[in-house]
């Protein structure tokens, strides 16, 4: 069984999946929810790059991209700024 990353208890159970299809667990002792690798709610660099690529180079609108990938407009803008050296698109 998976050990809790917070209290080290082995009394855990599966507790759904994260955004990246990462298995989540629930600790019956301390009632915390966690992933085995400890990463919480993060997107892979490949996913971010795919989203920015779709917005910048394929010329999709921000609304189309956010609906397609299930992210907020704020997240899209932040990722675009992170990749601005790679992105030559203008605001839409």
PDB file of N, CA and C in Angstrom:
ATOM      1  N   UNK A   1       0.836  -1.186   0.000  1.00  0.00           N
ATOM      2  CA  UNK A   1       0.000   0.000   0.000  1.00  0.00           C
ATOM      3  C   UNK A   1       0.881   1.250   0.000  1.00  0.00           C
ATOM      4  N   UNK A   2       0.356   2.333  -0.500  1.00  0.00           N
ATOM      5  CA  UNK A   2       1.091   3.585  -0.589  1.00  0.00           C
ATOM      6  C   UNK A   2       1.179   4.263   0.778  1.00  0.00           C
ATOM      7  N   UNK A   3       2.337   4.817   1.076  1.00  0.00           N
ATOM      8  CA  UNK A   3       2.572   5.480   2.353  1.00  0.00           C
ATOM      9  C   UNK A   3       2.267   6.972   2.233  1.00  0.00           C
ATOM     10  N   UNK A   4       1.615   7.530   3.259  1.00  0.00           N
ATOM     11  CA  UNK A   4       1.282   8.952   3.283  1.00  0.00           C
ATOM     12  C   UNK A   4       2.562   9.787   3.297  1.00  0.00           C
ATOM     13  N   UNK A   5       2.599  10.816   2.463  1.00  0.00           N
ATOM     14  CA  UNK A   5       3.781  11.674   2.398  1.00  0.00           C
ATOM     15  C   UNK A   5       3.856  12.631   3.587  1.00  0.00           C
ATOM     16  N   UNK A   6       2.743  12.827   4.283  1.00  0.00           N
ATOM     17  CA  UNK A   6       2.710  13.758   5.409  1.00  0.00           C
ATOM     18  C   UNK A   6       3.005  13.072   6.748  1.00  0.00           C
ATOM     19  N   UNK A   7       2.265  11.985   7.057  1.00  0.00           N
ATOM     20  CA  UNK A   7       2.422  11.339   8.367  1.00  0.00           C
ATOM     21  C   UNK A   7       3.079   9.964   8.289  1.00  0.00           C
ATOM     22  N   UNK A   8       3.358   9.501   7.086  1.00  0.00           N
ATOM     23  CA  UNK A   8       4.025   8.211   6.834  1.00  0.00           C
ATOM     24  C   UNK A   8       3.166   6.993   7.180  1.00  0.00           C
ATOM     25  N   UNK A   9       1.870   7.194   7.382  1.00  0.00           N
ATOM     26  CA  UNK A   9       0.966   6.077   7.654  1.00  0.00           C
ATOM     27  C   UNK A   9       0.772   5.246   6.387  1.00  0.00           C
ATOM     28  N   UNK A  10       0.560   3.958   6.571  1.00  0.00           N
ATOM     29  CA  UNK A  10       0.280   3.099   5.415  1.00  0.00           C
ATOM     30  C   UNK A  10      -1.225   2.878   5.252  1.00  0.00           C
ATOM     31  N   UNK A  11      -2.024   3.553   6.065  1.00  0.00           N
ATOM     32  CA  UNK A  11      -3.480   3.448   5.968  1.00  0.00           C
ATOM     33  C   UNK A  11      -3.995   4.480   4.966  1.00  0.00           C
ATOM     34  N   UNK A  12      -3.837   4.166   3.705  1.00  0.00           N
ATOM     35  CA  UNK A  12      -4.256   5.063   2.635  1.00  0.00           C
ATOM     36  C   UNK A  12      -5.185   4.331   1.684  1.00  0.00           C
ATOM     37  N   UNK A  13      -5.900   5.115   0.895  1.00  0.00           N
ATOM     38  CA  UNK A  13      -6.758   4.544  -0.143  1.00  0.00           C
ATOM     39  C   UNK A  13      -6.691   5.446  -1.365  1.00  0.00           C
ATOM     40  N   UNK A  14      -7.073   4.894  -2.500  1.00  0.00           N
ATOM     41  CA  UNK A  14      -7.097   5.683  -3.729  1.00  0.00           C
ATOM     42  C   UNK A  14      -8.165   6.766  -3.593  1.00  0.00           C
ATOM     43  N   UNK A  15      -7.882   7.911  -4.202  1.00  0.00           N
ATOM     44  CA  UNK A  15      -8.760   9.072  -4.019  1.00  0.00           C
ATOM     45  C   UNK A  15      -8.896   9.863  -5.321  1.00  0.00           C
ATOM     46  N   UNK A  16      -9.129   9.164  -6.424  1.00  0.00           N
ATOM     47  CA  UNK A  16      -9.333   9.827  -7.707  1.00  0.00           C
ATOM     48  C   UNK A  16      -8.038  10.106  -8.449  1.00  0.00           C
ATOM     49  N   UNK A  17      -8.158  10.995  -9.432  1.00  0.00           N
ATOM     50  CA  UNK A  17      -7.023  11.336 -10.277  1.00  0.00           C
ATOM     51  C   UNK A  17      -6.857  12.841 -10.351  1.00  0.00           C
ATOM     52  N   UNK A  18      -5.615  13.285 -10.511  1.00  0.00           N
ATOM     53  CA  UNK A  18      -5.309  14.698 -10.688  1.00  0.00           C
ATOM     54  C   UNK A  18      -5.523  15.113 -12.127  1.00  0.00           C
ATOM     55  N   UNK A  19      -5.223  16.384 -12.421  1.00  0.00           N
ATOM     56  CA  UNK A  19      -5.404  16.929 -13.772  1.00  0.00           C
ATOM     57  C   UNK A  19      -4.627  16.168 -14.828  1.00  0.00           C
ATOM     58  N   UNK A  20      -3.462  15.700 -14.460  1.00  0.00           N
ATOM     59  CA  UNK A  20      -2.603  15.012 -15.422  1.00  0.00           C
ATOM     60  C   UNK A  20      -2.796  13.508 -15.376  1.00  0.00           C
ATOM     61  N   UNK A  21      -3.955  13.066 -14.934  1.00  0.00           N
ATOM     62  CA  UNK A  21      -4.272  11.644 -14.794  1.00  0.00           C
ATOM     63  C   UNK A  21      -3.328  10.955 -13.815  1.00  0.00           C
ATOM     64  N   UNK A  22      -2.855  11.711 -12.821  1.00  0.00           N
ATOM     65  CA  UNK A  22      -1.994  11.178 -11.778  1.00  0.00           C
ATOM     66  C   UNK A  22      -2.867  10.640 -10.659  1.00  0.00           C
ATOM     67  N   UNK A  23      -2.611   9.421 -10.220  1.00  0.00           N
ATOM     68  CA  UNK A  23      -3.391   8.823  -9.143  1.00  0.00           C
ATOM     69  C   UNK A  23      -3.222   9.624  -7.856  1.00  0.00           C
ATOM     70  N   UNK A  24      -4.340   9.974  -7.209  1.00  0.00           N
ATOM     71  CA  UNK A  24      -4.313  10.648  -5.916  1.00  0.00           C
ATOM     72  C   UNK A  24      -4.670   9.639  -4.835  1.00  0.00           C
ATOM     73  N   UNK A  25      -4.192   9.893  -3.623  1.00  0.00           N
ATOM     74  CA  UNK A  25      -4.457   9.024  -2.485  1.00  0.00           C
ATOM     75  C   UNK A  25      -4.976   9.851  -1.321  1.00  0.00           C
ATOM     76  N   UNK A  26      -5.686   9.179  -0.394  1.00  0.00           N
ATOM     77  CA  UNK A  26      -6.225   9.808   0.807  1.00  0.00           C
ATOM     78  C   UNK A  26      -5.711   9.047   2.014  1.00  0.00           C
ATOM     79  N   UNK A  27      -5.205   9.768   3.016  1.00  0.00           N
ATOM     80  CA  UNK A  27      -4.698   9.147   4.232  1.00  0.00           C
ATOM     81  C   UNK A  27      -5.824   9.073   5.260  1.00  0.00           C
ATOM     82  N   UNK A  28      -6.098   7.888   5.762  1.00  0.00           N
ATOM     83  CA  UNK A  28      -7.154   7.696   6.757  1.00  0.00           C
ATOM     84  C   UNK A  28      -6.733   8.206   8.135  1.00  0.00           C
ATOM     85  N   UNK A  29      -5.445   8.360   8.362  1.00  0.00           N
ATOM     86  CA  UNK A  29      -4.942   8.833   9.660  1.00  0.00           C
ATOM     87  C   UNK A  29      -4.981  10.361   9.774  1.00  0.00           C
ATOM     88  N   UNK A  30      -4.339  11.042   8.849  1.00  0.00           N
ATOM     89  CA  UNK A  30      -4.239  12.513   8.950  1.00  0.00           C
ATOM     90  C   UNK A  30      -5.197  13.240   8.006  1.00  0.00           C
ATOM     91  N   UNK A  31      -5.951  12.488   7.208  1.00  0.00           N
ATOM     92  CA  UNK A  31      -6.975  13.028   6.302  1.00  0.00           C
ATOM     93  C   UNK A  31      -6.416  13.955   5.225  1.00  0.00           C
ATOM     94  N   UNK A  32      -5.181  13.730   4.824  1.00  0.00           N
ATOM     95  CA  UNK A  32      -4.614  14.531   3.741  1.00  0.00           C
ATOM     96  C   UNK A  32      -4.762  13.792   2.416  1.00  0.00           C
ATOM     97  N   UNK A  33      -4.741  14.555   1.347  1.00  0.00           N
ATOM     98  CA  UNK A  33      -4.832  14.016  -0.002  1.00  0.00           C
ATOM     99  C   UNK A  33      -3.511  14.317  -0.694  1.00  0.00           C
ATOM    100  N   UNK A  34      -2.976  13.359  -1.441  1.00  0.00           N
ATOM    101  CA  UNK A  34      -1.647  13.541  -2.013  1.00  0.00           C
ATOM    102  C   UNK A  34      -1.443  12.653  -3.225  1.00  0.00           C
ATOM    103  N   UNK A  35      -0.382  12.936  -3.979  1.00  0.00           N
ATOM    104  CA  UNK A  35       0.077  12.060  -5.046  1.00  0.00           C
ATOM    105  C   UNK A  35       1.380  11.432  -4.585  1.00  0.00           C
ATOM    106  N   UNK A  36       1.742  10.318  -5.176  1.00  0.00           N
ATOM    107  CA  UNK A  36       2.950   9.612  -4.761  1.00  0.00           C
ATOM    108  C   UNK A  36       4.186  10.466  -4.980  1.00  0.00           C
ATOM    109  N   UNK A  37       4.247  11.177  -6.101  1.00  0.00           N
ATOM    110  CA  UNK A  37       5.429  11.986  -6.391  1.00  0.00           C
ATOM    111  C   UNK A  37       5.410  13.345  -5.691  1.00  0.00           C
ATOM    112  N   UNK A  38       4.321  13.658  -5.001  1.00  0.00           N
ATOM    113  CA  UNK A  38       4.240  14.908  -4.257  1.00  0.00           C
ATOM    114  C   UNK A  38       3.885  16.124  -5.087  1.00  0.00           C
ATOM    115  N   UNK A  39       3.756  15.958  -6.380  1.00  0.00           N
ATOM    116  CA  UNK A  39       3.420  17.077  -7.256  1.00  0.00           C
ATOM    117  C   UNK A  39       1.931  17.335  -7.154  1.00  0.00           C
ATOM    118  N   UNK A  40       1.573  18.607  -7.021  1.00  0.00           N
ATOM    119  CA  UNK A  40       0.173  18.937  -6.825  1.00  0.00           C
ATOM    120  C   UNK A  40      -0.294  19.919  -7.897  1.00  0.00           C
ATOM    121  N   UNK A  41      -1.226  19.475  -8.714  1.00  0.00           N
ATOM    122  CA  UNK A  41      -1.878  20.366  -9.658  1.00  0.00           C
ATOM    123  C   UNK A  41      -0.984  21.035 -10.680  1.00  0.00           C
ATOM    124  N   UNK A  42       0.050  20.371 -11.117  1.00  0.00           N
ATOM    125  CA  UNK A  42       0.934  20.988 -12.091  1.00  0.00           C
ATOM    126  C   UNK A  42       0.704  20.393 -13.474  1.00  0.00           C
ATOM    127  N   UNK A  43       1.004  21.166 -14.471  1.00  0.00           N
ATOM    128  CA  UNK A  43       0.913  20.706 -15.847  1.00  0.00           C
ATOM    129  C   UNK A  43       2.318  20.424 -16.354  1.00  0.00           C
ATOM    130  N   UNK A  44       2.432  19.447 -17.218  1.00  0.00           N
ATOM    131  CA  UNK A  44       3.746  19.107 -17.763  1.00  0.00           C
ATOM    132  C   UNK A  44       4.213  20.211 -18.717  1.00  0.00           C
ATOM    133  N   UNK A  45       5.520  20.364 -18.859  1.00  0.00           N
ATOM    134  CA  UNK A  45       6.043  21.356 -19.810  1.00  0.00           C
ATOM    135  C   UNK A  45       5.561  21.084 -21.234  1.00  0.00           C
ATOM    136  N   UNK A  46       5.399  19.814 -21.581  1.00  0.00           N
ATOM    137  CA  UNK A  46       4.914  19.455 -22.921  1.00  0.00           C
ATOM    138  C   UNK A  46       3.488  19.952 -23.134  1.00  0.00           C
ATOM    139  N   UNK A  47       2.648  19.813 -22.099  1.00  0.00           N
ATOM    140  CA  UNK A  47       1.265  20.270 -22.198  1.00  0.00           C
ATOM    141  C   UNK A  47       1.226  21.789 -22.364  1.00  0.00           C
ATOM    142  N   UNK A  48       2.009  22.498 -21.551  1.00  0.00           N
ATOM    143  CA  UNK A  48       2.055  23.960 -21.644  1.00  0.00           C
ATOM    144  C   UNK A  48       2.498  24.403 -23.034  1.00  0.00           C
ATOM    145  N   UNK A  49       3.520  23.740 -23.542  1.00  0.00           N
ATOM    146  CA  UNK A  49       4.040  24.078 -24.868  1.00  0.00           C
ATOM    147  C   UNK A  49       2.985  23.845 -25.945  1.00  0.00           C
ATOM    148  N   UNK A  50       2.233  22.757 -25.811  1.00  0.00           N
ATOM    149  CA  UNK A  50       1.176  22.440 -26.763  1.00  0.00           C
ATOM    150  C   UNK A  50       0.090  23.520 -26.757  1.00  0.00           C
ATOM    151  N   UNK A  51      -0.268  23.986 -25.570  1.00  0.00           N
ATOM    152  CA  UNK A  51      -1.291  25.026 -25.446  1.00  0.00           C
ATOM    153  C   UNK A  51      -0.807  26.335 -26.073  1.00  0.00           C
ATOM    154  N   UNK A  52       0.412  26.741 -25.749  1.00  0.00           N
ATOM    155  CA  UNK A  52       0.966  27.986 -26.299  1.00  0.00           C
ATOM    156  C   UNK A  52       1.118  27.875 -27.810  1.00  0.00           C
ATOM    157  N   UNK A  53       1.549  26.717 -28.273  1.00  0.00           N
ATOM    158  CA  UNK A  53       1.674  26.467 -29.718  1.00  0.00           C
ATOM    159  C   UNK A  53       0.318  26.645 -30.405  1.00  0.00           C
ATOM    160  N   UNK A  54      -0.715  26.083 -29.804  1.00  0.00           N
ATOM    161  CA  UNK A  54      -2.058  26.185 -30.364  1.00  0.00           C
ATOM    162  C   UNK A  54      -2.508  27.644 -30.436  1.00  0.00           C
ATOM    163  N   UNK A  55      -2.191  28.405 -29.413  1.00  0.00           N
ATOM    164  CA  UNK A  55      -2.599  29.810 -29.366  1.00  0.00           C
ATOM    165  C   UNK A  55      -1.777  30.685 -30.309  1.00  0.00           C
ATOM    166  N   UNK A  56      -0.469  30.529 -30.268  1.00  0.00           N
ATOM    167  CA  UNK A  56       0.413  31.433 -31.017  1.00  0.00           C
ATOM    168  C   UNK A  56       0.574  31.065 -32.485  1.00  0.00           C
ATOM    169  N   UNK A  57       0.905  29.835 -32.737  1.00  0.00           N
ATOM    170  CA  UNK A  57       1.287  29.456 -34.096  1.00  0.00           C
ATOM    171  C   UNK A  57       0.126  28.934 -34.940  1.00  0.00           C
ATOM    172  N   UNK A  58      -0.875  28.356 -34.292  1.00  0.00           N
ATOM    173  CA  UNK A  58      -2.032  27.885 -35.049  1.00  0.00           C
ATOM    174  C   UNK A  58      -3.124  28.944 -35.105  1.00  0.00           C
ATOM    175  N   UNK A  59      -2.860  30.074 -34.442  1.00  0.00           N
ATOM    176  CA  UNK A  59      -3.731  31.251 -34.493  1.00  0.00           C
ATOM    177  C   UNK A  59      -5.154  31.002 -33.998  1.00  0.00           C
ATOM    178  N   UNK A  60      -5.298  30.159 -32.980  1.00  0.00           N
ATOM    179  CA  UNK A  60      -6.606  29.992 -32.352  1.00  0.00           C
ATOM    180  C   UNK A  60      -6.831  31.144 -31.383  1.00  0.00           C
ATOM    181  N   UNK A  61      -8.092  31.496 -31.137  1.00  0.00           N
ATOM    182  CA  UNK A  61      -8.383  32.567 -30.185  1.00  0.00           C
ATOM    183  C   UNK A  61      -8.146  32.068 -28.767  1.00  0.00           C
ATOM    184  N   UNK A  62      -7.970  33.008 -27.856  1.00  0.00           N
ATOM    185  CA  UNK A  62      -7.761  32.655 -26.448  1.00  0.00           C
ATOM    186  C   UNK A  62      -8.958  31.867 -25.919  1.00  0.00           C
ATOM    187  N   UNK A  63     -10.162  32.278 -26.291  1.00  0.00           N
ATOM    188  CA  UNK A  63     -11.361  31.582 -25.829  1.00  0.00           C
ATOM    189  C   UNK A  63     -11.392  30.144 -26.339  1.00  0.00           C
ATOM    190  N   UNK A  64     -11.050  29.938 -27.605  1.00  0.00           N
ATOM    191  CA  UNK A  64     -11.019  28.583 -28.167  1.00  0.00           C
ATOM    192  C   UNK A  64     -10.023  27.700 -27.423  1.00  0.00           C
ATOM    193  N   UNK A  65      -8.842  28.246 -27.159  1.00  0.00           N
ATOM    194  CA  UNK A  65      -7.781  27.476 -26.504  1.00  0.00           C
ATOM    195  C   UNK A  65      -8.159  27.134 -25.067  1.00  0.00           C
ATOM    196  N   UNK A  66      -8.688  28.116 -24.325  1.00  0.00           N
ATOM    197  CA  UNK A  66      -9.030  27.857 -22.927  1.00  0.00           C
ATOM    198  C   UNK A  66     -10.161  26.847 -22.800  1.00  0.00           C
ATOM    199  N   UNK A  67     -11.113  26.891 -23.711  1.00  0.00           N
ATOM    200  CA  UNK A  67     -12.202  25.911 -23.687  1.00  0.00           C
ATOM    201  C   UNK A  67     -11.707  24.525 -24.084  1.00  0.00           C
ATOM    202  N   UNK A  68     -10.862  24.465 -25.093  1.00  0.00           N
ATOM    203  CA  UNK A  68     -10.355  23.177 -25.576  1.00  0.00           C
ATOM    204  C   UNK A  68      -9.527  22.460 -24.515  1.00  0.00           C
ATOM    205  N   UNK A  69      -8.648  23.208 -23.825  1.00  0.00           N
ATOM    206  CA  UNK A  69      -7.726  22.591 -22.872  1.00  0.00           C
ATOM    207  C   UNK A  69      -8.193  22.664 -21.418  1.00  0.00           C
ATOM    208  N   UNK A  70      -9.304  23.340 -21.162  1.00  0.00           N
ATOM    209  CA  UNK A  70      -9.840  23.410 -19.807  1.00  0.00           C
ATOM    210  C   UNK A  70      -8.987  24.219 -18.843  1.00  0.00           C
ATOM    211  N   UNK A  71      -8.426  25.312 -19.333  1.00  0.00           N
ATOM    212  CA  UNK A  71      -7.621  26.186 -18.480  1.00  0.00           C
ATOM    213  C   UNK A  71      -8.243  27.578 -18.482  1.00  0.00           C
ATOM    214  N   UNK A  72      -7.815  28.423 -17.564  1.00  0.00           N
ATOM    215  CA  UNK A  72      -8.337  29.788 -17.513  1.00  0.00           C
ATOM    216  C   UNK A  72      -7.546  30.693 -18.459  1.00  0.00           C
ATOM    217  N   UNK A  73      -8.154  31.821 -18.785  1.00  0.00           N
ATOM    218  CA  UNK A  73      -7.475  32.805 -19.626  1.00  0.00           C
ATOM    219  C   UNK A  73      -6.226  33.319 -18.922  1.00  0.00           C
ATOM    220  N   UNK A  74      -6.318  33.487 -17.617  1.00  0.00           N
ATOM    221  CA  UNK A  74      -5.163  33.945 -16.831  1.00  0.00           C
ATOM    222  C   UNK A  74      -3.992  32.969 -16.954  1.00  0.00           C
ATOM    223  N   UNK A  75      -4.288  31.668 -16.905  1.00  0.00           N
ATOM    224  CA  UNK A  75      -3.249  30.648 -17.052  1.00  0.00           C
ATOM    225  C   UNK A  75      -2.624  30.729 -18.437  1.00  0.00           C
ATOM    226  N   UNK A  76      -3.447  30.886 -19.463  1.00  0.00           N
ATOM    227  CA  UNK A  76      -2.936  31.001 -20.830  1.00  0.00           C
ATOM    228  C   UNK A  76      -1.997  32.198 -20.962  1.00  0.00           C
ATOM    229  N   UNK A  77      -2.389  33.333 -20.413  1.00  0.00           N
ATOM    230  CA  UNK A  77      -1.555  34.536 -20.485  1.00  0.00           C
ATOM    231  C   UNK A  77      -0.232  34.310 -19.759  1.00  0.00           C
ATOM    232  N   UNK A  78      -0.289  33.676 -18.594  1.00  0.00           N
ATOM    233  CA  UNK A  78       0.933  33.397 -17.829  1.00  0.00           C
ATOM    234  C   UNK A  78       1.869  32.488 -18.614  1.00  0.00           C
ATOM    235  N   UNK A  79       1.329  31.413 -19.202  1.00  0.00           N
ATOM    236  CA  UNK A  79       2.159  30.488 -19.978  1.00  0.00           C
ATOM    237  C   UNK A  79       2.732  31.171 -21.212  1.00  0.00           C
ATOM    238  N   UNK A  80       1.951  32.048 -21.837  1.00  0.00           N
ATOM    239  CA  UNK A  80       2.432  32.779 -23.011  1.00  0.00           C
ATOM    240  C   UNK A  80       3.617  33.662 -22.631  1.00  0.00           C
ATOM    241  N   UNK A  81       3.534  34.316 -21.465  1.00  0.00           N
ATOM    242  CA  UNK A  81       4.646  35.151 -20.991  1.00  0.00           C
ATOM    243  C   UNK A  81       5.883  34.308 -20.716  1.00  0.00           C
ATOM    244  N   UNK A  82       5.694  33.114 -20.162  1.00  0.00           N
ATOM    245  CA  UNK A  82       6.814  32.215 -19.890  1.00  0.00           C
ATOM    246  C   UNK A  82       7.516  31.804 -21.180  1.00  0.00           C
ATOM    247  N   UNK A  83       6.746  31.713 -22.271  1.00  0.00           N
ATOM    248  CA  UNK A  83       7.282  31.261 -23.554  1.00  0.00           C
ATOM    249  C   UNK A  83       7.430  32.404 -24.546  1.00  0.00           C
ATOM    250  N   UNK A  84       7.433  33.653 -24.067  1.00  0.00           N
ATOM    251  CA  UNK A  84       7.414  34.783 -24.998  1.00  0.00           C
ATOM    252  C   UNK A  84       8.613  34.827 -25.928  1.00  0.00           C
ATOM    253  N   UNK A  85       9.734  34.256 -25.534  1.00  0.00           N
ATOM    254  CA  UNK A  85      10.875  34.236 -26.447  1.00  0.00           C
ATOM    255  C   UNK A  85      10.610  33.304 -27.620  1.00  0.00           C
ATOM    256  N   UNK A  86       9.697  32.367 -27.419  1.00  0.00           N
ATOM    257  CA  UNK A  86       9.358  31.403 -28.468  1.00  0.00           C
ATOM    258  C   UNK A  86       8.076  31.787 -29.203  1.00  0.00           C
ATOM    259  N   UNK A  87       7.380  32.799 -28.703  1.00  0.00           N
ATOM    260  CA  UNK A  87       6.060  33.139 -29.230  1.00  0.00           C
ATOM    261  C   UNK A  87       6.092  34.527 -29.852  1.00  0.00           C
ATOM    262  N   UNK A  88       5.774  34.595 -31.128  1.00  0.00           N
ATOM    263  CA  UNK A  88       5.790  35.875 -31.822  1.00  0.00           C
ATOM    264  C   UNK A  88       4.390  36.364 -32.162  1.00  0.00           C
ATOM    265  N   UNK A  89       3.387  35.842 -31.481  1.00  0.00           N
ATOM    266  CA  UNK A  89       2.015  36.228 -31.808  1.00  0.00           C
ATOM    267  C   UNK A  89       1.630  37.503 -31.076  1.00  0.00           C
ATOM    268  N   UNK A  90       0.688  38.202 -31.630  1.00  0.00           N
ATOM    269  CA  UNK A  90       0.166  39.399 -31.000  1.00  0.00           C
ATOM    270  C   UNK A  90      -1.078  39.065 -30.201  1.00  0.00           C
ATOM    271  N   UNK A  91      -1.557  40.015 -29.465  1.00  0.00           N
ATOM    272  CA  UNK A  91      -2.781  39.814 -28.688  1.00  0.00           C
ATOM    273  C   UNK A  91      -3.964  39.718 -29.642  1.00  0.00           C
ATOM    274  N   UNK A  92      -4.915  38.914 -29.244  1.00  0.00           N
ATOM    275  CA  UNK A  92      -6.106  38.728 -30.079  1.00  0.00           C
ATOM    276  C   UNK A  92      -7.309  39.303 -29.380  1.00  0.00           C
TER     277      UNK A  92
END
